[in-house]
Amino acid sequence: MAYVVTDACIRCKYMECVEACPVACFHAGEVMLVIDPEQCIDCGLCEPTCPANAIAHESDPRTRDWLAINSSYAAIWPRIARKGAPSNDADQWNGRPGKAELFSEKPSNAA
């Protein structure tokens, strides 16, 4: 079992979760983070730290489409172990619905 980053992270990318993770299982894309489900130890420390409420356990229905995305992109995006700067307009995107269409396959250039 693992935790999953959902589309609520898109365009926010706050990164408090990265520093909470004891096993550095986060990977950075251009507009969001993902968790490597193979590395996640299911500790749950990341979930309450996310200001965008973008992290959920894989048993949560919100993660249905995002577990495969997390797994796929964790394999190609750079791993990060320290908190970086959130998106410049993160607070304006936090809580907005319908962000899945803004997903980008590009890796972060600031990881």
Protein backbone atom coordinates (compact mmCIF):
# COMPACT_ATOMS: atom_id res chain seq x y z
CA MET A 1 0.00 0.00 0.00
CA ALA A 2 1.11 3.55 -0.63
CA TYR A 3 0.14 7.18 -0.54
CA VAL A 4 -0.64 8.93 -3.80
CA VAL A 5 -0.41 12.53 -5.00
CA THR A 6 -3.60 13.59 -6.78
CA ASP A 7 -4.43 16.37 -9.22
CA ALA A 8 -4.97 18.75 -6.30
CA CYS A 9 -1.17 19.21 -6.34
CA ILE A 10 -1.14 20.54 -9.89
CA ARG A 11 0.07 24.15 -10.07
CA CYS A 12 0.49 24.27 -6.26
CA LYS A 13 3.44 21.97 -5.54
CA TYR A 14 3.86 23.22 -1.97
CA MET A 15 6.42 20.53 -1.01
CA GLU A 16 5.97 20.37 2.77
CA CYS A 17 5.35 16.67 2.17
CA VAL A 18 8.87 16.18 0.83
CA GLU A 19 10.48 17.07 4.14
CA ALA A 20 8.01 14.91 6.07
CA CYS A 21 8.91 11.79 4.09
CA PRO A 22 11.46 9.59 5.88
CA VAL A 23 12.36 7.62 2.73
CA ALA A 24 12.58 10.35 0.05
CA CYS A 25 9.99 8.81 -2.25
CA PHE A 26 8.85 12.07 -3.91
CA HIS A 27 9.66 12.95 -7.51
CA ALA A 28 9.16 16.34 -9.13
CA GLY A 29 7.40 17.15 -12.35
CA GLU A 30 6.96 20.51 -13.97
CA VAL A 31 3.59 21.20 -12.30
CA MET A 32 3.23 18.58 -9.54
CA LEU A 33 4.92 15.98 -7.39
CA VAL A 34 4.40 12.22 -7.38
CA ILE A 35 5.16 9.48 -4.87
CA ASP A 36 6.99 6.32 -5.89
CA PRO A 37 4.62 3.60 -4.64
CA GLU A 38 7.48 1.08 -4.59
CA GLN A 39 9.43 3.25 -2.14
CA CYS A 40 6.53 4.52 -0.03
CA ILE A 41 6.46 2.81 3.37
CA ASP A 42 2.84 3.75 4.01
CA CYS A 43 3.74 5.81 7.08
CA GLY A 44 1.26 8.60 6.30
CA LEU A 45 3.51 11.43 7.48
CA CYS A 46 3.16 13.30 4.19
CA GLU A 47 -0.64 13.44 4.05
CA PRO A 48 -1.36 15.93 6.86
CA THR A 49 1.45 18.27 5.80
CA CYS A 50 -0.03 19.05 2.36
CA PRO A 51 -1.77 22.46 2.32
CA ALA A 52 -3.59 21.47 -0.89
CA ASN A 53 -4.97 18.20 0.54
CA ALA A 54 -3.44 16.53 -2.51
CA ILE A 55 -2.14 13.35 -0.87
CA ALA A 56 -4.33 10.39 -0.02
CA HIS A 57 -3.93 6.71 0.73
CA GLU A 58 -4.33 4.50 -2.34
CA SER A 59 -7.54 3.07 -0.80
CA ASP A 60 -9.14 6.53 -1.13
CA PRO A 61 -11.37 6.81 -4.24
CA ARG A 62 -9.69 10.14 -5.15
CA THR A 63 -6.52 8.25 -6.07
CA ARG A 64 -8.16 5.91 -8.59
CA ASP A 65 -6.62 7.52 -11.68
CA TRP A 66 -3.52 8.87 -9.98
CA LEU A 67 -1.80 5.75 -8.61
CA ALA A 68 -0.70 4.69 -12.11
CA ILE A 69 0.44 8.25 -12.89
CA ASN A 70 2.48 8.39 -9.67
CA SER A 71 4.08 5.05 -10.46
CA SER A 72 4.88 5.90 -14.09
CA TYR A 73 6.34 9.34 -13.51
CA ALA A 74 8.26 8.42 -10.36
CA ALA A 75 10.30 6.20 -12.65
CA ILE A 76 11.37 9.11 -14.88
CA TRP A 77 11.11 12.35 -12.90
CA PRO A 78 13.96 13.40 -10.58
CA ARG A 79 13.77 12.34 -6.95
CA ILE A 80 13.71 15.16 -4.44
CA ALA A 81 14.52 15.00 -0.74
CA ARG A 82 14.30 18.66 0.25
CA LYS A 83 11.53 21.18 0.05
CA GLY A 84 11.79 23.62 -2.80
CA ALA A 85 9.77 26.71 -3.58
CA PRO A 86 6.10 26.19 -4.42
CA SER A 87 4.67 27.47 -7.67
CA ASN A 88 4.61 31.29 -7.74
CA ASP A 89 0.82 31.29 -8.00
CA ALA A 90 0.21 28.25 -5.75
CA ASP A 91 -2.26 29.97 -3.46
CA GLN A 92 -4.38 31.01 -6.44
CA TRP A 93 -4.57 27.38 -7.65
CA ASN A 94 -5.08 25.75 -4.25
CA GLY A 95 -8.54 24.20 -4.08
CA ARG A 96 -9.48 24.79 -7.70
CA PRO A 97 -11.32 21.86 -9.30
CA GLY A 98 -10.58 20.43 -12.73
CA LYS A 99 -6.80 20.69 -12.64
CA ALA A 100 -6.19 17.24 -14.14
CA GLU A 101 -6.24 18.72 -17.63
CA LEU A 102 -3.21 20.85 -16.66
CA PHE A 103 -1.02 17.80 -15.97
CA SER A 104 2.38 17.94 -17.68
CA GLU A 105 4.62 14.98 -18.46
CA LYS A 106 7.69 17.19 -18.24
CA PRO A 107 10.08 16.74 -15.30
CA SER A 108 10.87 19.62 -12.99
CA ASN A 109 13.75 21.76 -14.10
CA ALA A 110 14.34 22.92 -10.53
CA ALA A 111 14.54 19.58 -8.71
